C-alpha atoms as a PDB file:
ATOM      1  CA  MET A   1     179.675  98.193-127.988  1.00  0.00           C
ATOM      2  CA  PRO A   2     182.728  96.687-127.048  1.00  0.00           C
ATOM      3  CA  GLU A   3     185.558  99.372-127.070  1.00  0.00           C
ATOM      4  CA  LYS A   4     188.713  98.823-129.533  1.00  0.00           C
ATOM      5  CA  ILE A   5     191.823  98.955-127.816  1.00  0.00           C
ATOM      6  CA  ASP A   6     195.416  98.948-130.079  1.00  0.00           C
ATOM      7  CA  PHE A   7     196.261  95.592-127.607  1.00  0.00           C
ATOM      8  CA  SER A   8     199.507  95.574-129.738  1.00  0.00           C
ATOM      9  CA  LYS A   9     200.713  98.399-127.865  1.00  0.00           C
ATOM     10  CA  VAL A  10     200.433  96.320-124.180  1.00  0.00           C
ATOM     11  CA  SER A  11     202.907  94.181-123.162  1.00  0.00           C
ATOM     12  CA  PHE A  12     202.480  90.840-121.227  1.00  0.00           C
ATOM     13  CA  LEU A  13     203.315  88.561-118.208  1.00  0.00           C
ATOM     14  CA  ILE A  14     201.766  85.463-117.715  1.00  0.00           C
ATOM     15  CA  VAL A  15     202.928  83.796-114.428  1.00  0.00           C
ATOM     16  CA  ASP A  16     202.299  80.339-114.445  1.00  0.00           C
ATOM     17  CA  GLN A  17     203.772  76.558-114.225  1.00  0.00           C
ATOM     18  CA  ASN A  18     200.985  74.807-116.160  1.00  0.00           C
ATOM     19  CA  LYS A  19     202.239  75.022-120.077  1.00  0.00           C
ATOM     20  CA  LEU A  20     198.763  74.073-121.656  1.00  0.00           C
ATOM     21  CA  SER A  21     197.150  76.949-119.477  1.00  0.00           C
ATOM     22  CA  THR A  22     200.256  79.738-120.367  1.00  0.00           C
ATOM     23  CA  GLN A  23     199.647  78.378-124.090  1.00  0.00           C
ATOM     24  CA  LEU A  24     196.370  79.098-123.903  1.00  0.00           C
ATOM     25  CA  ILE A  25     197.315  82.767-122.850  1.00  0.00           C
ATOM     26  CA  ARG A  26     199.164  83.239-125.060  1.00  0.00           C
ATOM     27  CA  ASP A  27     196.779  82.176-128.084  1.00  0.00           C
ATOM     28  CA  ILE A  28     194.086  84.460-126.753  1.00  0.00           C
ATOM     29  CA  LEU A  29     196.301  87.420-126.839  1.00  0.00           C
ATOM     30  CA  ALA A  30     198.037  86.444-130.036  1.00  0.00           C
ATOM     31  CA  MET A  31     194.309  86.453-131.597  1.00  0.00           C
ATOM     32  CA  LEU A  32     194.096  89.866-129.843  1.00  0.00           C
ATOM     33  CA  GLU A  33     196.937  90.729-132.129  1.00  0.00           C
ATOM     34  CA  VAL A  34     199.345  91.210-128.876  1.00  0.00           C
ATOM     35  CA  THR A  35     202.705  91.664-129.707  1.00  0.00           C
ATOM     36  CA  ARG A  36     205.048  91.586-126.652  1.00  0.00           C
ATOM     37  CA  VAL A  37     204.060  88.266-124.287  1.00  0.00           C
ATOM     38  CA  ARG A  38     206.533  87.264-121.582  1.00  0.00           C
ATOM     39  CA  SER A  39     205.835  84.541-119.680  1.00  0.00           C
ATOM     40  CA  VAL A  40     207.340  82.605-116.278  1.00  0.00           C
ATOM     41  CA  THR A  41     206.803  79.590-114.243  1.00  0.00           C
ATOM     42  CA  SER A  42     207.887  81.154-111.025  1.00  0.00           C
ATOM     43  CA  VAL A  43     207.189  84.148-108.594  1.00  0.00           C
ATOM     44  CA  ALA A  44     210.704  85.030-108.433  1.00  0.00           C
ATOM     45  CA  ARG A  45     211.591  84.854-112.504  1.00  0.00           C
ATOM     46  CA  ALA A  46     208.462  87.339-112.284  1.00  0.00           C
ATOM     47  CA  ARG A  47     209.959  89.731-110.239  1.00  0.00           C
ATOM     48  CA  ASN A  48     213.274  88.963-112.106  1.00  0.00           C
ATOM     49  CA  VAL A  49     211.590  89.937-115.417  1.00  0.00           C
ATOM     50  CA  LEU A  50     209.144  92.902-113.534  1.00  0.00           C
ATOM     51  CA  ARG A  51     212.557  94.498-112.158  1.00  0.00           C
ATOM     52  CA  GLY A  52     214.484  94.660-115.446  1.00  0.00           C
ATOM     53  CA  GLU A  53     211.730  95.448-117.874  1.00  0.00           C
ATOM     54  CA  PRO A  54     208.526  97.525-117.760  1.00  0.00           C
ATOM     55  CA  VAL A  55     204.864  95.227-118.072  1.00  0.00           C
ATOM     56  CA  ASP A  56     201.777  96.554-118.836  1.00  0.00           C
ATOM     57  CA  ILE A  57     199.300  93.904-117.317  1.00  0.00           C
ATOM     58  CA  ILE A  58     200.240  90.686-115.523  1.00  0.00           C
ATOM     59  CA  ILE A  59     198.614  87.759-115.968  1.00  0.00           C
ATOM     60  CA  THR A  60     199.039  84.924-113.096  1.00  0.00           C
ATOM     61  CA  GLU A  61     197.713  81.611-111.845  1.00  0.00           C
ATOM     62  CA  TYR A  62     196.885  81.932-108.251  1.00  0.00           C
ATOM     63  CA  HIS A  63     198.387  78.123-107.230  1.00  0.00           C
ATOM     64  CA  MET A  64     201.700  77.948-107.635  1.00  0.00           C
ATOM     65  CA  GLU A  65     204.621  76.367-105.946  1.00  0.00           C
ATOM     66  CA  PRO A  66     206.953  77.452-103.784  1.00  0.00           C
ATOM     67  CA  GLU A  67     205.247  80.803-103.570  1.00  0.00           C
ATOM     68  CA  THR A  68     201.742  81.565-105.283  1.00  0.00           C
ATOM     69  CA  GLY A  69     200.105  84.447-107.095  1.00  0.00           C
ATOM     70  CA  ILE A  70     199.201  86.280-103.974  1.00  0.00           C
ATOM     71  CA  ASP A  71     202.772  86.265-103.033  1.00  0.00           C
ATOM     72  CA  LEU A  72     203.006  88.114-106.227  1.00  0.00           C
ATOM     73  CA  ILE A  73     200.335  90.478-105.492  1.00  0.00           C
ATOM     74  CA  ASP A  74     201.777  90.987-102.283  1.00  0.00           C
ATOM     75  CA  TRP A  75     205.253  91.682-103.513  1.00  0.00           C
ATOM     76  CA  ILE A  76     203.908  93.797-105.819  1.00  0.00           C
ATOM     77  CA  ARG A  77     201.556  96.066-104.209  1.00  0.00           C
ATOM     78  CA  THR A  78     203.621  95.972-100.762  1.00  0.00           C
ATOM     79  CA  GLY A  79     206.988  95.468-101.305  1.00  0.00           C
ATOM     80  CA  MET A  80     209.389  98.155-101.354  1.00  0.00           C
ATOM     81  CA  ASP A  81     211.356  97.536-104.339  1.00  0.00           C
ATOM     82  CA  SER A  82     208.189  97.067-106.551  1.00  0.00           C
ATOM     83  CA  PRO A  83     208.807  98.420-109.853  1.00  0.00           C
ATOM     84  CA  ASP A  84     205.263  99.293-109.904  1.00  0.00           C
ATOM     85  CA  ARG A  85     202.986  98.840-107.277  1.00  0.00           C
ATOM     86  CA  MET A  86     200.331  99.803-109.575  1.00  0.00           C
ATOM     87  CA  ILE A  87     199.817  97.473-112.691  1.00  0.00           C
ATOM     88  CA  PRO A  88     196.787  95.659-113.242  1.00  0.00           C
ATOM     89  CA  ILE A  89     197.169  92.156-112.424  1.00  0.00           C
ATOM     90  CA  ILE A  90     194.240  89.461-113.381  1.00  0.00           C
ATOM     91  CA  MET A  91     194.131  86.452-111.514  1.00  0.00           C
ATOM     92  CA  LEU A  92     193.694  83.199-112.702  1.00  0.00           C
ATOM     93  CA  THR A  93     192.377  80.223-110.693  1.00  0.00           C
ATOM     94  CA  ALA A  94     189.818  77.070-110.760  1.00  0.00           C
ATOM     95  CA  ASN A  95     188.799  78.322-107.344  1.00  0.00           C
ATOM     96  CA  SER A  96     186.258  80.127-107.827  1.00  0.00           C
ATOM     97  CA  GLU A  97     184.782  79.332-104.552  1.00  0.00           C
ATOM     98  CA  GLU A  98     184.402  83.440-102.481  1.00  0.00           C
ATOM     99  CA  GLU A  99     187.015  82.795-100.466  1.00  0.00           C
ATOM    100  CA  TYR A 100     189.581  82.589-102.553  1.00  0.00           C
ATOM    101  CA  VAL A 101     188.175  85.666-104.724  1.00  0.00           C
ATOM    102  CA  MET A 102     188.125  87.803-101.777  1.00  0.00           C
ATOM    103  CA  ARG A 103     191.202  86.999-100.469  1.00  0.00           C
ATOM    104  CA  ALA A 104     192.588  87.907-104.052  1.00  0.00           C
ATOM    105  CA  ARG A 105     190.479  90.818-103.628  1.00  0.00           C
ATOM    106  CA  ASP A 106     192.218  92.004-100.550  1.00  0.00           C
ATOM    107  CA  ARG A 107     195.286  91.199-101.539  1.00  0.00           C
ATOM    108  CA  GLY A 108     195.169  94.085-104.410  1.00  0.00           C
ATOM    109  CA  VAL A 109     194.142  92.136-107.341  1.00  0.00           C
ATOM    110  CA  THR A 110     192.527  93.999-110.043  1.00  0.00           C
ATOM    111  CA  GLU A 111     190.385  91.534-111.980  1.00  0.00           C
ATOM    112  CA  PHE A 112     189.538  87.904-111.035  1.00  0.00           C
ATOM    113  CA  LEU A 113     188.782  84.903-113.692  1.00  0.00           C
ATOM    114  CA  ALA A 114     188.247  81.504-112.559  1.00  0.00           C
ATOM    115  CA  LYS A 115     189.108  78.526-115.171  1.00  0.00           C
ATOM    116  CA  PRO A 116     187.968  77.245-116.861  1.00  0.00           C
ATOM    117  CA  PHE A 117     187.556  80.459-119.146  1.00  0.00           C
ATOM    118  CA  ASN A 118     186.647  81.316-122.181  1.00  0.00           C
ATOM    119  CA  VAL A 119     188.228  84.196-125.135  1.00  0.00           C
ATOM    120  CA  GLU A 120     185.280  86.787-123.854  1.00  0.00           C
ATOM    121  CA  GLY A 121     185.967  86.585-120.201  1.00  0.00           C
ATOM    122  CA  LEU A 122     189.449  87.195-120.543  1.00  0.00           C
ATOM    123  CA  TYR A 123     188.761  90.120-122.884  1.00  0.00           C
ATOM    124  CA  ARG A 124     186.409  91.353-120.906  1.00  0.00           C
ATOM    125  CA  ARG A 125     188.744  91.371-117.663  1.00  0.00           C
ATOM    126  CA  LEU A 126     191.345  92.994-120.142  1.00  0.00           C
ATOM    127  CA  VAL A 127     189.360  95.368-121.516  1.00  0.00           C
ATOM    128  CA  SER A 128     188.212  96.533-117.895  1.00  0.00           C
ATOM    129  CA  VAL A 129     191.963  96.891-116.733  1.00  0.00           C
ATOM    130  CA  ILE A 130     193.063  99.218-119.861  1.00  0.00           C
ATOM    131  CA  ALA A 131     189.418 101.141-120.326  1.00  0.00           C
ATOM    132  CA  ARG A 132     188.093 101.499-117.011  1.00  0.00           C
ATOM    133  CA  PRO A 133     190.905 101.467-114.534  1.00  0.00           C
ATOM    134  CA  ARG A 134     189.795 101.542-110.949  1.00  0.00           C
ATOM    135  CA  ALA A 135     191.451 104.313-109.186  1.00  0.00           C
ATOM    136  CA  PHE A 136     193.850 103.029-106.336  1.00  0.00           C
ATOM    137  CA  VAL A 137     193.363 103.201-102.773  1.00  0.00           C
ATOM    138  CA  ASN A 138     196.003 103.303-100.009  1.00  0.00           C
ATOM    139  CA  ILE A 139     194.563 102.791 -96.426  1.00  0.00           C
ATOM    140  CA  ASP A 140     196.182 101.092 -93.120  1.00  0.00           C
ATOM    141  CA  ASP A 141     196.594  97.359 -94.059  1.00  0.00           C
ATOM    142  CA  TYR A 142     195.422  98.341 -98.408  1.00  0.00           C
ATOM    143  CA  PHE A 143     196.775  98.847-100.655  1.00  0.00           C
ATOM    144  CA  GLY A 144     195.589  98.524-104.429  1.00  0.00           C
ATOM    145  CA  PRO A 145     192.479  98.767-106.857  1.00  0.00           C
ATOM    146  CA  ASP A 146     189.501 100.531-105.129  1.00  0.00           C
ATOM    147  CA  ARG A 147     187.302  97.144-104.088  1.00  0.00           C
ATOM    148  CA  ARG A 148     184.044  98.737-104.574  1.00  0.00           C
ATOM    149  CA  ARG A 149     182.634  98.087-108.236  1.00  0.00           C
ATOM    150  CA  ARG A 150     179.409 100.046-107.970  1.00  0.00           C
ATOM    151  CA  GLN A 151     178.747 103.398-106.155  1.00  0.00           C
ATOM    152  CA  VAL A 152     175.684 102.555-104.360  1.00  0.00           C
ATOM    153  CA  ASP A 153     173.359 105.351-102.561  1.00  0.00           C
ATOM    154  CA  TYR A 154     173.354 105.032 -98.596  1.00  0.00           C
ATOM    155  CA  GLY A 155     171.077 107.679 -96.499  1.00  0.00           C
ATOM    156  CA  GLY A 156     171.915 105.590 -93.692  1.00  0.00           C
ATOM    157  CA  PRO A 157     173.721 107.129 -90.518  1.00  0.00           C
ATOM    158  CA  ASP A 158     177.260 107.721 -90.435  1.00  0.00           C
ATOM    159  CA  ARG A 159     177.456 108.755 -94.453  1.00  0.00           C
ATOM    160  CA  ARG A 160     180.624 110.350 -94.689  1.00  0.00           C
ATOM    161  CA  ARG A 161     179.195 113.492 -96.636  1.00  0.00           C
ATOM    162  CA  ALA A 162     176.858 114.713 -93.942  1.00  0.00           C
ATOM    163  CA  ASP A 163     179.272 113.743 -90.816  1.00  0.00           C
END
C-alpha cells in the first residue's frame, strides 16, 4: 500500500531549462497538492534560491548550460557555502545509460529518473526520499546518500564484522 504523504508541507525547487519539462513537473506536483514550488533555469539561479530560502527537495535536469545538474549536486554536497548538504536531489535526464546513472550516483544524487517519465515514476521517487530516506555517508572522496540500495549477506573473506 502506498504511503500517504501530505505534500502540501513539502517545498520544491525545479532546476531545468526546458519549459515543457518544468511545466510537466509542476502539473504533477499540483496533482499531489504541492503548494510550494519554485523553478529556475540555471544552476546559478538555483544557488541563489537555496542561499535565500529553505527547500525540502530539488528536482534537477542533468543537461543544462553553462553548468549541469552534476555541477549543482557537487556544490550542494561539497561546497563550503552549501546551505544543506543533505537535501534530497532527484535527477532527471533523457540519458538513462549506465554511465549517466553512475556519474550522478557517485556525485551524491538521491534518486534518478529517466525521461520520459510518468506520474507514477515521479511519485515513487518522491515517496522514496520522504518516507524512506537513506543514511548519508562521508568518506574521503564521497559525501551523499548511501549508494547501496539493499543489504546483501556476504560470507566471503574480509567481511568487516569478522575482522
